[in-house]
Protein backbone atom coordinates (compact mmCIF):
# COMPACT_ATOMS: atom_id res chain seq x y z
CA MET A 1 -16.92 24.44 12.04
CA GLY A 2 -18.03 27.89 11.36
CA GLN A 3 -16.96 29.58 14.45
CA ARG A 4 -13.30 27.56 13.28
CA ASP A 5 -10.44 30.77 13.04
CA ILE A 6 -8.64 28.76 10.98
CA ASP A 7 -8.81 27.21 7.85
CA VAL A 8 -5.79 25.15 6.33
CA VAL A 9 -3.51 24.06 10.33
CA VAL A 10 0.05 22.47 8.50
CA PHE A 11 1.49 20.43 11.63
CA GLY A 12 5.26 19.64 11.34
CA ALA A 13 5.36 22.89 8.43
CA THR A 14 9.70 22.67 9.06
CA SER A 15 9.89 19.65 7.56
CA LEU A 16 10.75 19.07 3.93
CA THR A 17 7.03 18.74 2.34
CA GLY A 18 5.85 20.41 5.41
CA ARG A 19 7.98 23.97 4.02
CA HIS A 20 6.05 23.06 0.40
CA VAL A 21 3.03 23.14 1.91
CA ALA A 22 3.85 26.27 3.44
CA ALA A 23 4.63 28.07 0.66
CA TYR A 24 2.11 26.68 -1.64
CA LEU A 25 -0.93 27.55 0.69
CA ALA A 26 1.30 31.50 0.87
CA GLN A 27 0.25 31.32 -2.55
CA ARG A 28 -3.03 30.40 -2.37
CA ALA A 29 -4.02 32.84 0.05
CA SER A 30 -2.79 35.41 -1.75
CA GLU A 31 -4.95 34.56 -4.67
CA LEU A 32 -8.03 33.11 -2.80
CA GLY A 33 -8.67 36.09 -0.13
CA GLY A 34 -10.20 35.01 2.54
CA LEU A 35 -7.98 32.09 3.81
CA ARG A 36 -6.96 31.67 7.10
CA TRP A 37 -4.28 29.09 7.90
CA ALA A 38 -1.32 29.01 10.37
CA ALA A 39 1.52 26.95 10.91
CA ALA A 40 1.63 24.26 13.49
CA VAL A 41 5.53 23.33 14.71
CA ARG A 42 7.52 22.55 17.71
CA ASP A 43 10.32 24.70 18.10
CA GLY A 44 8.90 28.45 17.01
CA ALA A 45 12.55 29.24 17.20
CA LYS A 46 13.57 26.89 14.77
CA ALA A 47 10.66 28.13 12.34
CA LYS A 48 11.60 31.19 12.12
CA ARG A 49 14.58 30.50 10.54
CA VAL A 50 13.14 28.01 8.18
CA PHE A 51 10.45 30.26 7.38
CA ALA A 52 12.57 33.44 6.86
CA ALA A 53 14.90 30.77 4.29
CA GLU A 54 11.72 30.29 2.56
CA GLY A 55 10.74 33.50 1.76
CA VAL A 56 7.19 31.77 3.92
CA GLU A 57 5.01 34.26 6.24
CA PRO A 58 2.83 32.10 7.80
CA PRO A 59 0.42 34.52 9.77
CA GLU A 60 0.34 32.43 12.62
CA THR A 61 3.06 30.43 13.78
CA ILE A 62 1.26 27.67 16.34
CA LEU A 63 3.12 26.06 18.57
CA ALA A 64 2.37 22.35 19.30
CA GLU A 65 3.83 18.83 19.96
CA VAL A 66 2.59 14.75 19.73
CA GLY A 67 4.14 14.45 23.50
CA ASN A 68 1.72 17.01 24.73
CA PRO A 69 -1.87 15.87 23.84
CA SER A 70 -3.41 19.83 25.03
CA SER A 71 -1.56 21.50 22.52
CA LEU A 72 -2.71 18.83 19.61
CA ARG A 73 -5.92 19.64 20.84
CA ALA A 74 -6.28 23.80 21.47
CA MET A 75 -4.61 23.60 17.64
CA ALA A 76 -7.23 20.81 16.21
CA SER A 77 -9.98 23.46 18.27
CA ARG A 78 -9.23 25.83 16.10
CA ALA A 79 -8.92 24.16 12.99
CA ILE A 80 -11.89 22.89 10.25
CA VAL A 81 -8.69 21.12 8.76
CA VAL A 82 -4.99 19.59 10.26
CA LEU A 83 -2.68 18.37 8.00
CA ASN A 84 -0.07 16.42 9.56
CA LEU A 85 3.31 15.70 8.13
CA VAL A 86 4.74 14.96 11.27
CA GLY A 87 6.12 11.43 10.65
CA PRO A 88 6.92 8.19 10.51
CA TYR A 89 2.90 8.04 11.06
CA MET A 90 3.10 4.96 13.54
CA LEU A 91 4.84 6.42 15.84
CA TYR A 92 3.83 9.45 15.84
CA GLY A 93 0.18 9.91 14.31
CA GLU A 94 -1.96 8.39 16.79
CA SER A 95 -2.80 10.83 19.13
CA VAL A 96 -3.20 13.81 16.35
CA ILE A 97 -5.85 11.84 14.80
CA GLU A 98 -7.50 11.64 18.31
CA ALA A 99 -6.62 14.97 19.25
CA CYS A 100 -8.88 15.92 15.46
CA VAL A 101 -11.29 13.55 15.89
CA ASP A 102 -12.55 14.63 19.71
CA ALA A 103 -12.02 18.45 18.38
CA GLY A 104 -14.44 17.90 15.19
CA CYS A 105 -12.00 19.04 12.53
CA HIS A 106 -10.60 16.95 9.76
CA TYR A 107 -7.58 15.45 9.46
CA VAL A 108 -4.57 14.95 6.35
CA ASP A 109 -1.39 12.77 6.23
CA LEU A 110 0.56 11.66 4.29
CA THR A 111 1.20 8.44 5.44
CA GLY A 112 2.38 5.20 3.58
CA GLU A 113 2.12 2.48 6.19
CA ILE A 114 0.13 0.69 5.28
CA PRO A 115 -0.23 -0.54 9.15
CA PHE A 116 -0.64 1.81 10.74
CA VAL A 117 -3.89 3.21 8.02
CA ARG A 118 -5.09 -0.31 9.04
CA ARG A 119 -5.30 0.12 12.92
CA MET A 120 -6.38 4.15 12.55
CA ASN A 121 -9.87 2.74 10.09
CA ALA A 122 -10.18 -0.51 13.68
CA ALA A 123 -10.06 2.28 16.40
CA PHE A 124 -11.61 5.72 15.00
CA ASP A 125 -13.82 5.34 11.61
CA ALA A 126 -16.82 4.77 13.92
CA ARG A 127 -15.48 7.37 15.87
CA ALA A 128 -15.25 10.02 13.37
CA ARG A 129 -18.57 9.02 11.77
CA ALA A 130 -20.39 10.45 14.46
CA ALA A 131 -18.20 13.24 14.98
CA GLY A 132 -18.84 13.96 11.11
CA VAL A 133 -14.71 14.09 10.83
CA LYS A 134 -13.32 12.88 7.57
CA ILE A 135 -9.92 11.35 8.25
CA VAL A 136 -7.99 11.03 5.10
CA GLN A 137 -4.97 8.93 4.92
CA VAL A 138 -2.41 8.23 1.91
CA CYS A 139 -2.92 11.21 0.23
CA GLY A 140 -0.09 12.63 -1.03
CA VAL A 141 1.78 11.25 -4.99
CA ALA A 142 0.31 8.33 -2.76
CA ALA A 143 -2.06 7.40 -3.32
CA LEU A 144 -4.39 10.24 -4.25
CA PRO A 145 -3.57 10.22 -8.16
CA PRO A 146 -4.49 6.86 -8.87
CA ASP A 147 -7.67 6.01 -6.47
CA LEU A 148 -8.86 9.71 -7.73
CA GLY A 149 -8.41 8.74 -11.55
CA ILE A 150 -9.91 5.32 -10.41
CA ALA A 151 -12.11 6.83 -9.18
CA LEU A 152 -13.21 9.36 -12.54
CA ALA A 153 -13.39 5.42 -14.60
CA ALA A 154 -15.69 3.49 -12.10
CA GLU A 155 -17.98 6.67 -12.37
CA ALA A 156 -18.21 6.44 -16.23
CA ALA A 157 -18.42 3.06 -15.73
CA ALA A 158 -21.34 3.38 -13.60
CA LYS A 159 -23.25 5.87 -15.67
CA ALA A 160 -23.15 3.51 -18.68
CA GLY A 161 -24.85 0.57 -16.02
CA GLU A 162 -21.16 -1.09 -15.90
CA HIS A 163 -18.71 -1.31 -12.88
CA LEU A 164 -14.51 -2.08 -14.03
CA VAL A 165 -13.45 -5.20 -13.76
CA GLU A 166 -9.54 -5.25 -14.71
CA VAL A 167 -7.07 -1.49 -13.63
CA ASP A 168 -4.08 -1.53 -15.17
CA VAL A 169 -1.68 1.45 -13.39
CA GLU A 170 1.32 2.64 -15.05
CA SER A 171 3.61 5.44 -13.92
CA ARG A 172 6.20 7.18 -15.48
CA ILE A 173 9.07 9.79 -15.05
CA VAL A 174 9.33 12.29 -18.46
CA GLU A 175 11.75 14.49 -17.10
CA GLN A 176 14.36 14.68 -13.95
CA PRO A 177 17.66 16.62 -13.01
CA MET A 178 19.94 14.98 -14.55
CA PRO A 179 22.87 13.59 -13.67
CA PRO A 180 20.65 12.26 -11.59
CA ARG A 181 21.87 11.71 -7.51
CA PRO A 182 20.91 9.21 -4.40
CA SER A 183 19.33 12.17 -2.61
CA ASP A 184 16.91 13.35 -5.54
CA PHE A 185 14.37 9.94 -4.85
CA LEU A 186 13.80 10.19 -1.19
CA SER A 187 14.29 12.22 1.64
CA GLY A 188 15.81 10.51 5.11
CA GLY A 189 12.47 11.10 6.39
CA SER A 190 10.54 8.69 4.75
CA LEU A 191 13.14 6.16 4.43
CA GLN A 192 13.13 6.05 8.39
CA SER A 193 9.11 6.72 7.56
CA ILE A 194 9.39 2.98 5.39
CA VAL A 195 12.09 1.47 7.61
CA ALA A 196 9.42 1.66 10.42
CA VAL A 197 6.79 -0.34 8.74
CA ALA A 198 9.61 -3.39 8.74
CA GLY A 199 9.31 -3.62 12.48
CA ASP A 200 5.96 -3.28 12.74
CA PRO A 201 3.62 -6.05 14.42
CA GLU A 202 1.11 -6.28 12.32
CA ILE A 203 3.82 -5.63 8.38
CA ASP A 204 1.90 -8.94 7.21
CA CYS A 205 -0.76 -6.57 5.94
CA ILE A 206 1.26 -4.53 3.34
CA VAL A 207 0.94 -8.01 1.18
CA ASP A 208 -2.77 -8.21 1.28
CA PRO A 209 -4.52 -5.71 -1.13
CA GLY A 210 -7.90 -6.14 1.61
CA CYS A 211 -6.45 -5.57 4.62
CA LEU A 212 -8.24 -2.28 4.34
CA VAL A 213 -11.60 -3.83 2.98
CA PRO A 214 -13.93 -3.78 5.41
CA ASP A 215 -16.08 -7.03 5.21
CA PRO A 216 -13.91 -10.41 5.72
CA ALA A 217 -15.87 -11.73 3.09
CA THR A 218 -15.34 -9.52 0.62
CA ALA A 219 -11.19 -8.53 1.65
CA GLN A 220 -10.77 -12.11 0.41
CA ALA A 221 -12.25 -11.66 -2.68
CA VAL A 222 -9.74 -8.73 -2.95
CA ARG A 223 -7.09 -11.35 -2.47
CA VAL A 224 -8.38 -13.99 -4.37
CA ARG A 225 -8.89 -11.71 -7.45
CA SER A 226 -6.30 -8.67 -7.13
CA PRO A 227 -2.89 -10.22 -5.38
CA ILE A 228 0.11 -7.72 -5.16
CA ARG A 229 3.00 -8.92 -7.35
CA VAL A 230 7.00 -6.87 -7.84
CA ARG A 231 7.95 -8.90 -10.77
CA PRO A 232 8.72 -6.77 -13.62
CA ARG A 233 7.13 -7.39 -17.33
CA HIS A 234 7.59 -5.67 -20.78
CA ARG A 235 5.04 -3.68 -22.34
CA ASP A 236 5.37 -2.08 -25.40
CA GLY A 237 8.67 -1.61 -25.08
CA ALA A 238 8.58 -0.87 -21.68
CA VAL A 239 10.33 -2.44 -18.40
CA ILE A 240 7.68 -2.13 -15.86
CA ALA A 241 8.89 -2.32 -12.06
CA PRO A 242 7.22 -2.23 -8.79
CA MET A 243 5.54 1.01 -7.93
CA ALA A 244 7.99 3.54 -6.20
CA PRO A 245 8.37 4.04 -3.18
CA ALA A 246 6.34 0.81 -2.61
CA ALA A 247 4.20 -1.93 -4.36
CA PHE A 248 2.58 -2.72 -0.17
CA ILE A 249 0.83 1.22 -0.58
CA ASN A 250 -1.67 1.64 -3.21
CA PRO A 251 -3.51 -1.64 -4.10
CA ALA A 252 -5.24 -1.45 -0.78
CA VAL A 253 -6.26 1.99 -0.29
CA ILE A 254 -7.62 1.39 -3.89
CA HIS A 255 -9.72 -1.25 -2.78
CA ARG A 256 -11.30 0.26 0.23
CA ALA A 257 -12.28 3.45 -1.94
CA ALA A 258 -13.86 0.92 -4.18
CA ALA A 259 -16.11 -1.07 -1.41
CA LEU A 260 -16.77 2.02 0.52
CA ARG A 261 -18.14 3.66 -2.82
CA ALA A 262 -20.01 -0.03 -3.28
CA GLU A 263 -21.49 0.25 0.19
CA GLU A 264 -22.75 3.78 0.18
CA ASP A 265 -24.55 2.79 -3.43
CA GLY A 266 -26.31 0.28 -1.64
CA LYS A 267 -24.34 -2.44 -4.19
CA PRO A 268 -22.94 -5.72 -3.46
CA PHE A 269 -19.15 -4.99 -4.79
CA THR A 270 -17.49 -6.76 -7.59
CA PRO A 271 -13.44 -6.33 -6.93
CA PHE A 272 -11.30 -5.39 -9.99
CA ALA A 273 -8.69 -7.03 -11.06
CA TYR A 274 -5.71 -4.07 -9.90
CA ARG A 275 -2.27 -4.27 -11.26
CA GLU A 276 0.03 -0.50 -11.21
CA GLY A 277 4.31 -0.52 -12.12
CA LEU A 278 6.38 1.90 -12.74
CA ALA A 279 7.32 2.39 -16.73
CA MET A 280 11.25 2.84 -17.81
CA GLY A 281 10.90 3.02 -21.61
CA GLY A 282 14.60 3.85 -23.72
CA SER A 283 16.28 1.90 -26.86
CA THR A 284 16.05 -1.63 -27.63
CA ALA A 285 20.28 -1.43 -26.32
CA SER A 286 19.18 -0.41 -22.95
CA LEU A 287 16.30 -2.63 -22.28
CA PRO A 288 18.80 -5.42 -20.74
CA VAL A 289 20.00 -1.89 -18.23
CA ARG A 290 17.17 -1.24 -17.52
CA TYR A 291 15.55 -5.26 -16.74
CA VAL A 292 18.81 -5.04 -13.98
CA VAL A 293 17.58 -2.10 -12.91
CA ALA A 294 13.30 -3.33 -12.45
CA GLY A 295 14.76 -6.36 -11.08
CA ALA A 296 16.51 -4.83 -8.59
CA LEU A 297 14.03 -2.92 -7.21
CA SER A 298 11.58 -5.91 -7.71
CA GLY A 299 14.43 -8.36 -5.47
CA ILE A 300 14.87 -5.52 -2.63
CA GLN A 301 10.11 -4.70 -2.44
CA GLY A 302 10.58 -8.91 -3.07
CA LEU A 303 12.65 -9.61 0.26
CA ILE A 304 10.17 -6.88 2.20
CA GLY A 305 6.85 -9.32 0.49
CA MET A 306 9.07 -12.23 1.59
CA LEU A 307 9.83 -10.81 5.51
CA ALA A 308 5.65 -9.47 5.76
CA ARG A 309 4.14 -13.08 4.84
CA ALA A 310 7.18 -15.31 6.72
CA HIS A 311 5.04 -13.42 10.60
CA ARG A 312 8.03 -12.71 12.38
CA PRO A 313 7.83 -9.78 13.89
CA ASP A 314 10.97 -10.26 16.24
CA VAL A 315 12.60 -10.30 13.15
CA GLY A 316 10.81 -7.61 11.23
CA ARG A 317 12.23 -5.34 14.67
CA ARG A 318 15.35 -6.23 14.47
CA VAL A 319 16.18 -5.24 9.75
CA SER A 320 14.34 -2.20 10.93
CA ARG A 321 16.62 -1.01 13.98
CA PHE A 322 19.02 -1.29 11.65
CA LEU A 323 18.23 0.06 9.05
CA THR A 324 17.53 3.08 11.72
CA GLN A 325 21.11 2.93 12.10
CA ALA A 326 22.42 1.78 8.15
CA LEU A 327 20.08 4.80 6.32
CA PRO A 328 20.35 8.49 6.15
CA GLY A 329 17.85 10.26 8.73
CA SER A 330 16.10 14.06 8.77
CA GLY A 331 18.36 16.55 7.09
CA TYR A 332 18.67 14.01 3.83
CA GLU A 333 16.98 15.85 1.56
CA PRO A 334 17.07 16.05 -2.54
CA ALA A 335 18.92 20.20 -3.22
CA ARG A 336 16.42 22.24 -3.15
CA GLU A 337 16.93 23.94 -6.90
CA ARG A 338 15.64 19.89 -8.30
CA LEU A 339 12.76 19.13 -7.18
CA GLU A 340 10.71 21.83 -9.60
CA PRO A 341 12.23 20.88 -13.70
CA TRP A 342 10.51 17.22 -12.60
CA ARG A 343 7.48 15.98 -14.89
CA TRP A 344 5.49 12.77 -14.66
CA GLN A 345 2.35 10.81 -15.68
CA MET A 346 0.79 8.48 -14.85
CA SER A 347 -1.73 6.58 -17.40
CA ILE A 348 -4.21 4.29 -16.20
CA ARG A 349 -6.61 1.71 -18.04
CA ALA A 350 -9.42 0.63 -17.45
CA ARG A 351 -11.76 -2.19 -18.45
CA THR A 352 -15.41 -2.30 -17.90
CA SER A 353 -17.82 -5.90 -17.24
CA THR A 354 -18.77 -4.81 -20.74
CA GLY A 355 -15.29 -5.44 -22.67
CA ARG A 356 -15.26 -1.24 -23.26
CA GLU A 357 -11.69 0.14 -21.95
CA MET A 358 -11.65 3.55 -20.75
CA ARG A 359 -8.85 5.56 -19.79
CA VAL A 360 -7.51 8.35 -17.86
CA GLU A 361 -4.39 10.25 -18.22
CA ILE A 362 -2.30 12.31 -15.60
CA ASN A 363 0.04 14.92 -15.92
CA ALA A 364 2.03 16.13 -13.20
CA ASP A 365 4.58 18.96 -12.30
CA GLY A 366 7.76 19.34 -9.89
CA HIS A 367 9.03 16.21 -7.24
CA PRO A 368 6.55 13.45 -7.05
CA PHE A 369 7.04 12.85 -3.49
CA TYR A 370 7.98 16.37 -2.46
CA CYS A 371 6.73 19.14 -4.69
CA THR A 372 3.40 17.49 -6.03
CA THR A 373 2.40 15.24 -3.46
CA ALA A 374 2.96 18.64 -1.39
CA ARG A 375 0.84 21.37 -3.61
CA MET A 376 -2.16 17.70 -3.46
CA LEU A 377 -2.62 17.65 -0.25
CA ALA A 378 -2.46 21.43 0.17
CA GLU A 379 -5.63 21.45 -2.04
CA ALA A 380 -7.40 18.94 -0.36
CA GLY A 381 -6.83 20.42 2.48
CA LEU A 382 -8.44 23.37 0.81
CA LEU A 383 -11.52 21.65 -0.60
CA LEU A 384 -11.87 19.92 3.14
CA SER A 385 -11.59 23.44 4.57
CA GLU A 386 -14.99 25.02 1.90
CA ALA A 387 -18.23 23.91 2.91
CA GLY A 388 -20.44 22.09 0.43
CA SER A 389 -16.87 21.25 -2.30
CA THR A 390 -16.27 17.38 -0.84
CA PRO A 391 -18.43 14.85 -0.61
CA ASP A 392 -21.05 14.28 2.38
CA ARG A 393 -19.07 11.83 4.08
CA SER A 394 -17.41 11.60 7.29
CA GLY A 395 -15.25 8.22 9.10
CA CYS A 396 -12.06 6.79 8.34
CA LEU A 397 -11.76 8.27 3.60
CA THR A 398 -9.98 7.37 0.92
CA PRO A 399 -8.41 10.21 -0.66
CA SER A 400 -10.95 9.86 -3.79
CA THR A 401 -14.12 9.29 -1.41
CA ALA A 402 -13.43 12.19 0.88
CA LEU A 403 -12.99 14.60 -2.12
CA GLY A 404 -14.98 13.39 -4.60
CA THR A 405 -14.57 13.42 -8.56
CA ARG A 406 -15.93 17.12 -8.81
CA SER A 407 -12.15 17.96 -6.94
CA ALA A 408 -10.15 16.89 -9.50
CA GLY A 409 -10.00 19.88 -11.74
CA ARG A 410 -8.98 22.19 -8.72
CA PHE A 411 -5.59 19.55 -8.38
CA ALA A 412 -4.33 21.70 -12.08
CA ARG A 413 -3.60 24.30 -10.19
CA ALA A 414 -1.40 21.77 -7.75
CA GLY A 415 -0.17 20.73 -10.79
CA LEU A 416 -1.58 17.18 -11.43
CA ARG A 417 -3.67 17.51 -14.27
CA PHE A 418 -6.34 14.49 -15.58
CA SER A 419 -8.26 13.76 -17.93
CA LEU A 420 -10.84 11.09 -19.28
CA ALA A 421 -10.53 10.27 -22.49
């Protein structure tokens, strides 16, 4: 990769998140000096208009599209890292991954489509290892912060000769623009990506926390020890709703990361119990309202889980087609001026094999699904492009196994701050 002329390529740079990734890389380029990055788009004229409106001028704009394999190969052959922002990934992602593996180029995306991740692991893990390439999926707010935070806790436990037996993750919105608007939360593109999962023939794996663990016996141990639950609960005055945007993304990634670490260390993998949720605090008077909101979120995700467990792909396809028409598409997105005023936190409470309590606190700035996600994705790309900045691993990896715990401090520049108590 030392002879590549581009460090990081942003593929799909005119999307909502892609524009933020490009803006962040432009800022980092002025700070770092010598950073070589490029935007890859399907429509050069549209890109010129979009970047002018954003006040961003990429050093180079590359024309590439998923329907043109030769353009993908040409893009990947010039880059050390490709950041893929073109979704839904189960429709458009595989050809980009294949081009990167064939060209010996690292690949990073933001997918939360776990059936797609499982297929890519099966298809490309061995090939990526042979090529010395890192395929890093689910590298946004799902699942980089909890994955890297748990890795910090696991590393601290291992230094004391212990291992984790329980992990509890809670996210909390601290500040957001008021009054809330429906478009504040998920863009049309994100909604369509979620809908695509409903029509996937392997939708059953979204309720399987062990579906990304390579060894079948170990995967079964994960299912027994750490089932995915979406029922609302109450703790310390807060109502805990299912994790946003879905409770069916982080668990499989977290358990795969733990299994990969155990494999690398030559130790038996002992699954820990993993639980997560979105904490909604407030006054005692607001408790009924918070339970109603949590119950609604739980009901929606519970129905998705029932659909997954029913093993009825034909029903899933019909639901997916209906929702594709009913829900907003690309172009429906949060207003630009409402993206920065967000503040959010994530608390990771872990208990070790000796009963010791450990805690990792994460504080973040910006809209979690767009601003913070864009910046952390871009920073992950920068880390992967720098020789020696990440562990010497390859294959289909999780964010923590690809980037390593030493990278945690780098994400402060992206508005994501980790602290281990």
